[in-house]
N, C-alpha and C. Protein backbone atom coordinates (compact mmCIF):
# COMPACT_ATOMS: atom_id res chain seq x y z
N MET A 1 -48.73 -2.28 8.76
CA MET A 1 -48.06 -3.55 9.01
C MET A 1 -46.78 -3.67 8.18
N ALA A 2 -46.81 -3.24 6.94
CA ALA A 2 -45.63 -3.33 6.08
C ALA A 2 -44.50 -2.48 6.65
N LYS A 3 -44.82 -1.32 7.19
CA LYS A 3 -43.79 -0.45 7.76
C LYS A 3 -43.13 -1.12 8.97
N GLY A 4 -43.94 -1.78 9.82
CA GLY A 4 -43.40 -2.49 10.97
C GLY A 4 -42.50 -3.64 10.57
N MET A 5 -42.84 -4.36 9.51
CA MET A 5 -42.00 -5.47 9.04
C MET A 5 -40.67 -4.95 8.50
N LYS A 6 -40.71 -3.82 7.79
CA LYS A 6 -39.48 -3.23 7.26
C LYS A 6 -38.56 -2.81 8.41
N THR A 7 -39.14 -2.19 9.43
CA THR A 7 -38.35 -1.76 10.59
C THR A 7 -37.73 -2.97 11.29
N ALA A 8 -38.50 -4.03 11.47
CA ALA A 8 -38.00 -5.25 12.11
C ALA A 8 -36.88 -5.87 11.29
N ALA A 9 -37.06 -5.92 9.98
CA ALA A 9 -36.03 -6.51 9.11
C ALA A 9 -34.76 -5.69 9.15
N LEU A 10 -34.89 -4.36 9.13
CA LEU A 10 -33.72 -3.49 9.19
C LEU A 10 -32.99 -3.65 10.52
N THR A 11 -33.75 -3.73 11.61
CA THR A 11 -33.16 -3.93 12.93
C THR A 11 -32.41 -5.25 13.00
N LEU A 12 -32.99 -6.32 12.44
CA LEU A 12 -32.35 -7.63 12.43
C LEU A 12 -31.05 -7.59 11.65
N LEU A 13 -31.07 -6.94 10.49
CA LEU A 13 -29.85 -6.84 9.68
C LEU A 13 -28.74 -6.09 10.42
N MET A 14 -29.12 -5.07 11.16
CA MET A 14 -28.12 -4.29 11.89
C MET A 14 -27.51 -5.07 13.05
N LEU A 15 -28.26 -6.05 13.57
CA LEU A 15 -27.76 -6.84 14.69
C LEU A 15 -26.89 -8.00 14.26
N LEU A 16 -27.01 -8.43 13.00
CA LEU A 16 -26.21 -9.55 12.53
C LEU A 16 -24.76 -9.14 12.37
N PRO A 17 -23.82 -9.92 12.92
CA PRO A 17 -22.41 -9.55 12.80
C PRO A 17 -21.96 -9.61 11.34
N GLY A 18 -21.06 -8.68 11.01
CA GLY A 18 -20.47 -8.68 9.67
C GLY A 18 -21.32 -7.99 8.63
N LEU A 19 -22.56 -7.58 8.97
CA LEU A 19 -23.39 -6.93 7.98
C LEU A 19 -23.48 -5.43 8.19
N ALA A 20 -22.74 -4.91 9.13
CA ALA A 20 -22.74 -3.47 9.36
C ALA A 20 -22.19 -2.76 8.12
N LEU A 21 -22.71 -1.59 7.86
CA LEU A 21 -22.23 -0.84 6.71
C LEU A 21 -20.83 -0.30 6.99
N ALA A 22 -19.94 -0.54 6.09
CA ALA A 22 -18.55 -0.09 6.25
C ALA A 22 -18.35 1.22 5.50
N ASP A 23 -17.40 2.01 5.99
CA ASP A 23 -16.95 3.19 5.25
C ASP A 23 -15.88 2.72 4.28
N CYS A 24 -16.13 2.91 2.99
CA CYS A 24 -15.17 2.47 1.97
C CYS A 24 -14.59 3.67 1.24
N PHE A 25 -13.32 3.57 0.92
CA PHE A 25 -12.59 4.66 0.27
C PHE A 25 -11.67 4.10 -0.81
N ARG A 26 -11.33 4.97 -1.75
CA ARG A 26 -10.35 4.66 -2.79
C ARG A 26 -9.38 5.83 -2.88
N ALA A 27 -8.20 5.53 -3.41
CA ALA A 27 -7.23 6.59 -3.71
C ALA A 27 -6.32 6.08 -4.82
N ASP A 28 -5.77 7.02 -5.57
CA ASP A 28 -4.78 6.67 -6.59
C ASP A 28 -3.80 7.83 -6.73
N GLN A 29 -3.03 7.81 -7.79
CA GLN A 29 -1.98 8.81 -8.00
C GLN A 29 -2.53 10.24 -8.09
N ASP A 30 -3.82 10.40 -8.36
CA ASP A 30 -4.41 11.74 -8.41
C ASP A 30 -4.74 12.27 -7.01
N ASP A 31 -4.67 11.40 -6.00
CA ASP A 31 -5.07 11.77 -4.65
C ASP A 31 -3.90 11.91 -3.68
N GLY A 32 -2.69 11.76 -4.18
CA GLY A 32 -1.53 11.89 -3.29
C GLY A 32 -0.31 11.27 -3.92
N GLU A 33 0.64 10.91 -3.06
CA GLU A 33 1.94 10.45 -3.54
C GLU A 33 2.35 9.16 -2.83
N LEU A 34 2.92 8.26 -3.61
CA LEU A 34 3.53 7.04 -3.11
C LEU A 34 5.00 7.14 -3.47
N LYS A 35 5.83 7.39 -2.45
CA LYS A 35 7.24 7.72 -2.65
C LYS A 35 8.14 6.63 -2.07
N PHE A 36 9.28 6.42 -2.71
CA PHE A 36 10.28 5.50 -2.16
C PHE A 36 11.62 6.22 -2.07
N VAL A 37 12.41 5.79 -1.09
CA VAL A 37 13.73 6.39 -0.85
C VAL A 37 14.74 5.26 -0.73
N GLY A 38 15.80 5.36 -1.51
CA GLY A 38 16.87 4.37 -1.46
C GLY A 38 18.22 5.04 -1.33
N VAL A 39 19.25 4.22 -1.22
CA VAL A 39 20.62 4.72 -1.16
C VAL A 39 21.47 3.88 -2.10
N ALA A 40 22.17 4.54 -3.02
CA ALA A 40 23.10 3.87 -3.94
C ALA A 40 24.43 4.59 -3.88
N GLU A 41 25.49 3.83 -3.70
CA GLU A 41 26.85 4.38 -3.60
C GLU A 41 26.92 5.50 -2.56
N GLY A 42 26.20 5.32 -1.46
CA GLY A 42 26.21 6.30 -0.37
C GLY A 42 25.35 7.52 -0.60
N ASN A 43 24.70 7.61 -1.76
CA ASN A 43 23.87 8.77 -2.08
C ASN A 43 22.39 8.41 -2.01
N ARG A 44 21.65 9.23 -1.28
CA ARG A 44 20.21 9.03 -1.13
C ARG A 44 19.51 9.48 -2.42
N PHE A 45 18.51 8.71 -2.85
CA PHE A 45 17.69 9.13 -3.99
C PHE A 45 16.23 8.85 -3.66
N THR A 46 15.37 9.63 -4.28
CA THR A 46 13.93 9.44 -4.08
C THR A 46 13.27 9.17 -5.42
N GLY A 47 12.13 8.53 -5.34
CA GLY A 47 11.34 8.24 -6.52
C GLY A 47 9.88 8.14 -6.14
N THR A 48 9.04 8.12 -7.15
CA THR A 48 7.61 7.95 -6.93
C THR A 48 7.07 6.89 -7.88
N PHE A 49 5.93 6.34 -7.50
CA PHE A 49 5.18 5.48 -8.40
C PHE A 49 4.05 6.33 -8.97
N GLY A 50 4.00 6.43 -10.28
CA GLY A 50 3.02 7.29 -10.95
C GLY A 50 1.69 6.63 -11.21
N GLU A 51 1.59 5.32 -10.96
CA GLU A 51 0.33 4.62 -11.17
C GLU A 51 0.11 3.60 -10.07
N PHE A 52 -0.94 3.81 -9.28
CA PHE A 52 -1.27 2.87 -8.20
C PHE A 52 -2.72 3.08 -7.80
N SER A 53 -3.27 2.11 -7.09
CA SER A 53 -4.62 2.25 -6.54
C SER A 53 -4.66 1.64 -5.15
N VAL A 54 -5.47 2.25 -4.30
CA VAL A 54 -5.66 1.80 -2.92
C VAL A 54 -7.16 1.71 -2.67
N THR A 55 -7.60 0.61 -2.08
CA THR A 55 -8.98 0.51 -1.59
C THR A 55 -8.91 0.18 -0.11
N LEU A 56 -9.82 0.78 0.65
CA LEU A 56 -9.83 0.61 2.09
C LEU A 56 -11.28 0.66 2.57
N CYS A 57 -11.70 -0.35 3.32
CA CYS A 57 -13.01 -0.36 3.96
C CYS A 57 -12.82 -0.60 5.45
N MET A 58 -13.54 0.16 6.26
CA MET A 58 -13.42 0.03 7.72
C MET A 58 -14.75 0.37 8.36
N ASP A 59 -14.94 -0.07 9.58
CA ASP A 59 -16.15 0.22 10.33
C ASP A 59 -16.00 1.54 11.06
N GLU A 60 -16.92 2.46 10.80
CA GLU A 60 -17.00 3.73 11.52
C GLU A 60 -15.65 4.44 11.64
N ARG A 61 -14.90 4.46 10.58
CA ARG A 61 -13.60 5.16 10.51
C ARG A 61 -12.61 4.67 11.56
N ASP A 62 -12.74 3.41 11.95
CA ASP A 62 -11.81 2.79 12.88
C ASP A 62 -10.78 2.02 12.05
N LEU A 63 -9.59 2.58 11.93
CA LEU A 63 -8.55 2.00 11.08
C LEU A 63 -8.17 0.58 11.49
N THR A 64 -8.35 0.24 12.76
CA THR A 64 -8.00 -1.12 13.20
C THR A 64 -8.95 -2.17 12.65
N THR A 65 -10.08 -1.76 12.05
CA THR A 65 -11.02 -2.70 11.43
C THR A 65 -10.85 -2.74 9.91
N ALA A 66 -9.86 -2.04 9.40
CA ALA A 66 -9.72 -1.85 7.95
C ALA A 66 -9.26 -3.10 7.21
N GLY A 67 -9.81 -3.25 6.03
CA GLY A 67 -9.29 -4.16 5.02
C GLY A 67 -8.71 -3.28 3.92
N ILE A 68 -7.46 -3.50 3.58
CA ILE A 68 -6.76 -2.60 2.65
C ILE A 68 -6.13 -3.42 1.53
N GLU A 69 -6.27 -2.92 0.30
CA GLU A 69 -5.61 -3.53 -0.86
C GLU A 69 -4.92 -2.44 -1.66
N VAL A 70 -3.69 -2.73 -2.09
CA VAL A 70 -2.90 -1.78 -2.88
C VAL A 70 -2.38 -2.50 -4.12
N VAL A 71 -2.48 -1.84 -5.27
CA VAL A 71 -1.91 -2.34 -6.52
C VAL A 71 -1.02 -1.24 -7.08
N VAL A 72 0.23 -1.57 -7.37
CA VAL A 72 1.19 -0.61 -7.91
C VAL A 72 1.70 -1.11 -9.26
N LYS A 73 1.66 -0.25 -10.26
CA LYS A 73 2.23 -0.57 -11.58
C LYS A 73 3.74 -0.31 -11.49
N THR A 74 4.53 -1.37 -11.56
CA THR A 74 5.97 -1.25 -11.34
C THR A 74 6.66 -0.40 -12.41
N ALA A 75 6.13 -0.38 -13.62
CA ALA A 75 6.74 0.42 -14.69
C ALA A 75 6.57 1.92 -14.46
N SER A 76 5.74 2.29 -13.47
CA SER A 76 5.54 3.72 -13.19
C SER A 76 6.57 4.27 -12.21
N ALA A 77 7.54 3.44 -11.79
CA ALA A 77 8.61 3.92 -10.89
C ALA A 77 9.44 4.97 -11.62
N ASP A 78 9.63 6.12 -10.98
CA ASP A 78 10.32 7.24 -11.60
C ASP A 78 11.18 7.95 -10.57
N THR A 79 12.48 7.99 -10.82
CA THR A 79 13.40 8.71 -9.92
C THR A 79 13.92 10.00 -10.53
N GLY A 80 13.50 10.28 -11.77
CA GLY A 80 13.98 11.48 -12.44
C GLY A 80 15.35 11.30 -13.08
N ASP A 81 15.89 10.08 -13.05
CA ASP A 81 17.18 9.77 -13.66
C ASP A 81 16.93 8.64 -14.67
N SER A 82 17.03 8.93 -15.95
CA SER A 82 16.65 7.95 -16.98
C SER A 82 17.49 6.66 -16.91
N GLN A 83 18.77 6.77 -16.60
CA GLN A 83 19.61 5.58 -16.50
C GLN A 83 19.17 4.71 -15.31
N ARG A 84 18.96 5.34 -14.15
CA ARG A 84 18.52 4.61 -12.97
C ARG A 84 17.13 3.99 -13.22
N ASP A 85 16.22 4.76 -13.84
CA ASP A 85 14.87 4.26 -14.09
C ASP A 85 14.88 3.08 -15.06
N SER A 86 15.73 3.14 -16.06
CA SER A 86 15.86 2.03 -17.00
C SER A 86 16.31 0.76 -16.26
N GLU A 87 17.24 0.92 -15.34
CA GLU A 87 17.72 -0.21 -14.55
C GLU A 87 16.62 -0.72 -13.62
N LEU A 88 15.88 0.20 -12.97
CA LEU A 88 14.79 -0.19 -12.08
C LEU A 88 13.72 -1.02 -12.82
N HIS A 89 13.42 -0.63 -14.05
CA HIS A 89 12.39 -1.33 -14.84
C HIS A 89 12.90 -2.64 -15.42
N GLY A 90 14.21 -2.82 -15.46
CA GLY A 90 14.83 -3.98 -16.09
C GLY A 90 14.77 -5.26 -15.28
N GLU A 91 15.39 -6.30 -15.83
CA GLU A 91 15.33 -7.66 -15.27
C GLU A 91 15.91 -7.78 -13.87
N ASN A 92 16.92 -6.99 -13.53
CA ASN A 92 17.56 -7.13 -12.22
C ASN A 92 16.73 -6.55 -11.08
N PHE A 93 15.86 -5.61 -11.38
CA PHE A 93 15.08 -4.96 -10.31
C PHE A 93 13.60 -5.34 -10.45
N PHE A 94 12.75 -4.45 -10.95
CA PHE A 94 11.31 -4.75 -10.99
C PHE A 94 10.92 -5.72 -12.10
N HIS A 95 11.74 -5.83 -13.15
CA HIS A 95 11.45 -6.73 -14.28
C HIS A 95 9.98 -6.54 -14.71
N VAL A 96 9.67 -5.32 -15.13
CA VAL A 96 8.29 -4.90 -15.36
C VAL A 96 7.58 -5.68 -16.46
N GLU A 97 8.32 -6.22 -17.42
CA GLU A 97 7.66 -7.00 -18.47
C GLU A 97 7.07 -8.29 -17.91
N GLU A 98 7.77 -8.93 -17.00
CA GLU A 98 7.27 -10.18 -16.43
C GLU A 98 6.41 -9.95 -15.19
N PHE A 99 6.68 -8.88 -14.44
CA PHE A 99 5.97 -8.60 -13.20
C PHE A 99 5.46 -7.15 -13.22
N PRO A 100 4.39 -6.88 -13.98
CA PRO A 100 3.93 -5.49 -14.16
C PRO A 100 3.29 -4.87 -12.93
N GLU A 101 2.91 -5.70 -11.93
CA GLU A 101 2.27 -5.16 -10.75
C GLU A 101 2.90 -5.71 -9.47
N ALA A 102 2.88 -4.88 -8.46
CA ALA A 102 3.17 -5.31 -7.08
C ALA A 102 1.87 -5.10 -6.31
N THR A 103 1.54 -6.02 -5.43
CA THR A 103 0.31 -5.90 -4.66
C THR A 103 0.61 -6.08 -3.17
N TRP A 104 -0.21 -5.45 -2.36
CA TRP A 104 -0.14 -5.61 -0.90
C TRP A 104 -1.56 -5.66 -0.38
N LYS A 105 -1.83 -6.63 0.48
CA LYS A 105 -3.17 -6.78 1.05
C LYS A 105 -3.03 -7.01 2.55
N SER A 106 -3.78 -6.23 3.33
CA SER A 106 -3.67 -6.33 4.78
C SER A 106 -4.26 -7.65 5.29
N ASP A 107 -3.61 -8.20 6.32
CA ASP A 107 -4.09 -9.41 6.99
C ASP A 107 -4.63 -9.07 8.38
N ASP A 108 -3.92 -8.18 9.08
CA ASP A 108 -4.27 -7.84 10.46
C ASP A 108 -3.84 -6.40 10.71
N VAL A 109 -4.72 -5.63 11.30
CA VAL A 109 -4.44 -4.23 11.59
C VAL A 109 -4.63 -4.01 13.08
N SER A 110 -3.63 -3.41 13.74
CA SER A 110 -3.73 -3.21 15.19
C SER A 110 -3.14 -1.87 15.59
N ALA A 111 -3.66 -1.33 16.70
CA ALA A 111 -3.15 -0.07 17.24
C ALA A 111 -1.73 -0.27 17.73
N ASP A 112 -0.89 0.77 17.54
CA ASP A 112 0.50 0.71 17.97
C ASP A 112 0.97 2.13 18.28
N GLY A 113 1.00 2.49 19.54
CA GLY A 113 1.41 3.85 19.91
C GLY A 113 0.44 4.88 19.37
N ASP A 114 0.96 5.88 18.68
CA ASP A 114 0.12 6.94 18.12
C ASP A 114 -0.52 6.56 16.80
N GLY A 115 -0.16 5.43 16.24
CA GLY A 115 -0.68 5.04 14.94
C GLY A 115 -1.19 3.63 14.93
N VAL A 116 -1.11 3.03 13.78
CA VAL A 116 -1.62 1.69 13.54
C VAL A 116 -0.57 0.95 12.71
N VAL A 117 -0.43 -0.34 12.97
CA VAL A 117 0.42 -1.18 12.12
C VAL A 117 -0.46 -2.19 11.42
N ALA A 118 -0.36 -2.22 10.11
CA ALA A 118 -1.09 -3.19 9.30
C ALA A 118 -0.10 -4.25 8.83
N GLU A 119 -0.32 -5.49 9.24
CA GLU A 119 0.46 -6.60 8.73
C GLU A 119 -0.21 -7.03 7.44
N GLY A 120 0.57 -7.32 6.44
CA GLY A 120 -0.02 -7.73 5.18
C GLY A 120 0.96 -8.50 4.33
N GLU A 121 0.46 -8.97 3.19
CA GLU A 121 1.29 -9.74 2.28
C GLU A 121 1.64 -8.89 1.07
N LEU A 122 2.93 -8.72 0.84
CA LEU A 122 3.43 -8.02 -0.33
C LEU A 122 3.83 -9.06 -1.36
N LYS A 123 3.29 -8.89 -2.57
CA LYS A 123 3.68 -9.77 -3.68
C LYS A 123 4.41 -8.90 -4.69
N LEU A 124 5.69 -9.23 -4.90
CA LEU A 124 6.56 -8.44 -5.77
C LEU A 124 7.52 -9.39 -6.46
N ARG A 125 7.63 -9.28 -7.77
CA ARG A 125 8.50 -10.16 -8.57
C ARG A 125 8.19 -11.64 -8.33
N GLY A 126 6.92 -11.97 -8.11
CA GLY A 126 6.52 -13.35 -7.92
C GLY A 126 6.78 -13.90 -6.53
N VAL A 127 7.32 -13.09 -5.64
CA VAL A 127 7.59 -13.51 -4.26
C VAL A 127 6.52 -12.90 -3.36
N SER A 128 5.92 -13.72 -2.51
CA SER A 128 4.93 -13.24 -1.53
C SER A 128 5.51 -13.42 -0.14
N ALA A 129 5.48 -12.35 0.64
CA ALA A 129 5.99 -12.41 2.01
C ALA A 129 5.32 -11.32 2.84
N SER A 130 5.38 -11.49 4.15
CA SER A 130 4.78 -10.54 5.08
C SER A 130 5.53 -9.21 5.06
N GLN A 131 4.75 -8.10 5.09
CA GLN A 131 5.33 -6.77 5.11
C GLN A 131 4.45 -5.86 5.95
N PRO A 132 4.94 -5.40 7.12
CA PRO A 132 4.16 -4.45 7.92
C PRO A 132 4.22 -3.04 7.33
N VAL A 133 3.14 -2.30 7.54
CA VAL A 133 3.04 -0.91 7.10
C VAL A 133 2.47 -0.09 8.25
N ARG A 134 3.13 1.02 8.59
CA ARG A 134 2.62 1.93 9.63
C ARG A 134 1.62 2.87 8.98
N LEU A 135 0.48 3.11 9.68
CA LEU A 135 -0.59 3.93 9.12
C LEU A 135 -1.07 4.98 10.11
N ASN A 136 -1.55 6.09 9.57
CA ASN A 136 -2.26 7.11 10.35
C ASN A 136 -3.41 7.61 9.49
N LEU A 137 -4.52 7.94 10.14
CA LEU A 137 -5.71 8.43 9.44
C LEU A 137 -6.15 9.73 10.10
N SER A 138 -6.35 10.77 9.29
CA SER A 138 -6.79 12.05 9.83
C SER A 138 -8.27 11.99 10.19
N ASP A 139 -8.73 12.98 10.97
CA ASP A 139 -10.12 13.05 11.41
C ASP A 139 -11.00 13.86 10.46
N GLU A 140 -10.48 14.32 9.37
CA GLU A 140 -11.22 15.21 8.47
C GLU A 140 -12.38 14.48 7.80
N ASP A 141 -13.36 15.27 7.27
CA ASP A 141 -14.49 14.69 6.56
C ASP A 141 -14.02 13.80 5.42
N VAL A 142 -13.08 14.31 4.64
CA VAL A 142 -12.41 13.48 3.63
C VAL A 142 -11.05 13.14 4.22
N PRO A 143 -10.90 11.94 4.78
CA PRO A 143 -9.69 11.60 5.53
C PRO A 143 -8.44 11.48 4.67
N VAL A 144 -7.31 11.73 5.31
CA VAL A 144 -6.01 11.56 4.68
C VAL A 144 -5.34 10.35 5.35
N LEU A 145 -4.94 9.40 4.52
CA LEU A 145 -4.22 8.22 4.99
C LEU A 145 -2.74 8.45 4.71
N SER A 146 -1.92 8.37 5.75
CA SER A 146 -0.49 8.51 5.56
C SER A 146 0.20 7.32 6.22
N GLY A 147 1.44 7.09 5.83
CA GLY A 147 2.15 5.99 6.44
C GLY A 147 3.50 5.73 5.82
N SER A 148 4.09 4.62 6.28
CA SER A 148 5.44 4.28 5.83
C SER A 148 5.70 2.79 6.02
N ALA A 149 6.71 2.31 5.32
CA ALA A 149 7.17 0.93 5.46
C ALA A 149 8.66 0.88 5.15
N GLU A 150 9.34 -0.05 5.80
CA GLU A 150 10.74 -0.33 5.50
C GLU A 150 10.78 -1.68 4.79
N ILE A 151 11.12 -1.65 3.51
CA ILE A 151 11.10 -2.86 2.69
C ILE A 151 12.54 -3.31 2.43
N MET A 152 12.81 -4.55 2.73
CA MET A 152 14.12 -5.12 2.47
C MET A 152 14.07 -5.74 1.07
N ARG A 153 14.55 -5.00 0.08
CA ARG A 153 14.36 -5.33 -1.33
C ARG A 153 14.84 -6.73 -1.70
N LEU A 154 15.92 -7.20 -1.10
CA LEU A 154 16.46 -8.52 -1.47
C LEU A 154 15.53 -9.66 -1.05
N ASP A 155 14.64 -9.41 -0.08
CA ASP A 155 13.65 -10.43 0.30
C ASP A 155 12.69 -10.73 -0.84
N TRP A 156 12.56 -9.80 -1.78
CA TRP A 156 11.69 -9.97 -2.94
C TRP A 156 12.51 -10.06 -4.24
N ASN A 157 13.78 -10.36 -4.12
CA ASN A 157 14.67 -10.52 -5.29
C ASN A 157 14.76 -9.25 -6.14
N VAL A 158 14.61 -8.10 -5.53
CA VAL A 158 14.75 -6.83 -6.25
C VAL A 158 16.22 -6.42 -6.17
N GLY A 159 16.89 -6.36 -7.33
CA GLY A 159 18.30 -6.04 -7.37
C GLY A 159 19.17 -7.27 -7.28
N THR A 160 18.71 -8.34 -7.89
CA THR A 160 19.50 -9.57 -7.92
C THR A 160 19.90 -9.87 -9.36
N GLY A 161 20.84 -10.77 -9.51
CA GLY A 161 21.30 -11.12 -10.85
C GLY A 161 22.59 -10.42 -11.23
N ASP A 162 23.05 -9.51 -10.40
CA ASP A 162 24.30 -8.79 -10.63
C ASP A 162 24.94 -8.59 -9.27
N GLU A 163 26.19 -9.01 -9.14
CA GLU A 163 26.88 -8.93 -7.84
C GLU A 163 26.88 -7.52 -7.27
N ASP A 164 27.07 -6.50 -8.13
CA ASP A 164 27.09 -5.13 -7.64
C ASP A 164 25.76 -4.74 -7.00
N PHE A 165 24.66 -5.13 -7.65
CA PHE A 165 23.33 -4.76 -7.14
C PHE A 165 23.00 -5.50 -5.86
N GLU A 166 23.52 -6.71 -5.70
CA GLU A 166 23.26 -7.49 -4.50
C GLU A 166 24.13 -7.04 -3.33
N ASP A 167 25.19 -6.31 -3.62
CA ASP A 167 26.10 -5.79 -2.58
C ASP A 167 25.40 -4.65 -1.84
N THR A 168 25.06 -4.88 -0.57
CA THR A 168 24.31 -3.88 0.18
C THR A 168 25.17 -2.67 0.59
N ASP A 169 26.48 -2.75 0.38
CA ASP A 169 27.31 -1.55 0.55
C ASP A 169 27.20 -0.66 -0.68
N PHE A 170 26.90 -1.25 -1.83
CA PHE A 170 26.74 -0.51 -3.08
C PHE A 170 25.32 0.06 -3.18
N ILE A 171 24.32 -0.80 -2.95
CA ILE A 171 22.92 -0.37 -2.92
C ILE A 171 22.31 -0.88 -1.62
N ARG A 172 21.89 0.04 -0.77
CA ARG A 172 21.33 -0.35 0.53
C ARG A 172 20.14 -1.31 0.32
N ASN A 173 20.06 -2.31 1.17
CA ASN A 173 18.97 -3.28 1.09
C ASN A 173 17.63 -2.64 1.44
N ARG A 174 17.60 -1.79 2.46
CA ARG A 174 16.34 -1.19 2.90
C ARG A 174 15.91 -0.07 1.96
N VAL A 175 14.65 -0.15 1.54
CA VAL A 175 14.02 0.92 0.78
C VAL A 175 12.87 1.44 1.64
N ASP A 176 12.84 2.74 1.85
CA ASP A 176 11.80 3.34 2.66
C ASP A 176 10.65 3.79 1.77
N LEU A 177 9.46 3.37 2.13
CA LEU A 177 8.25 3.74 1.39
C LEU A 177 7.46 4.72 2.24
N GLU A 178 6.96 5.78 1.63
CA GLU A 178 6.17 6.79 2.33
C GLU A 178 5.00 7.18 1.46
N PHE A 179 3.86 7.49 2.08
CA PHE A 179 2.71 7.91 1.29
C PHE A 179 1.81 8.83 2.10
N GLU A 180 1.07 9.64 1.38
CA GLU A 180 0.03 10.50 1.93
C GLU A 180 -1.04 10.63 0.87
N LEU A 181 -2.25 10.15 1.20
CA LEU A 181 -3.32 10.05 0.21
C LEU A 181 -4.62 10.60 0.77
N GLN A 182 -5.28 11.43 -0.01
CA GLN A 182 -6.61 11.90 0.37
C GLN A 182 -7.60 10.84 -0.12
N LEU A 183 -8.27 10.18 0.81
CA LEU A 183 -9.17 9.09 0.48
C LEU A 183 -10.49 9.61 -0.07
N GLN A 184 -10.98 8.97 -1.13
CA GLN A 184 -12.24 9.34 -1.76
C GLN A 184 -13.30 8.31 -1.42
N PRO A 185 -14.44 8.73 -0.83
CA PRO A 185 -15.49 7.76 -0.47
C PRO A 185 -16.05 7.08 -1.72
N TYR A 186 -16.43 5.82 -1.55
CA TYR A 186 -17.14 5.10 -2.62
C TYR A 186 -18.01 4.03 -2.00
N SER A 187 -18.97 3.57 -2.77
CA SER A 187 -19.86 2.51 -2.31
C SER A 187 -19.36 1.19 -2.84
N LYS A 188 -19.04 0.28 -1.93
CA LYS A 188 -18.58 -1.04 -2.33
C LYS A 188 -19.79 -1.85 -2.76
N GLY A 189 -19.65 -2.49 -3.89
CA GLY A 189 -20.80 -3.26 -4.33
C GLY A 189 -20.65 -3.81 -5.64
């Protein structure tokens, strides 16, 4: 009788909406790269964030059901140019002392062509606004999440406080974000 009750209880739990077991994953700087590309004075430059974390839970590896959260340590921005990096960390750009983290959390994820678009809220320098991110997920046992976003930096007051930095002919407004991360399974709980 006890075995029958356990089976019935398990069946009931599986039928209740929202209680299905989700596939949950994490990734950070050890699992891939979070890269940004900008243009200053007509010259393209690239950089990476050396400290970040991503959590993602979805039903049966269906990316359109995913809930995604990203936390980036702004002081970890590195372009390989000490003068540029000092400026990036300073008050006019990331202002890392006052705003040590940037966060992004998905609101809605939907199929779009060959990939997926996740609408979400980006919080950067105390400004919260909508920011879409294009995503792709590999079919491998340990999946790889890749994607990109076009971020208009001035919408988040990045590069303000100096006329030169606000001049989009001097520093392009659009910053391209790209990533490829090997997701690590974990149990949410």
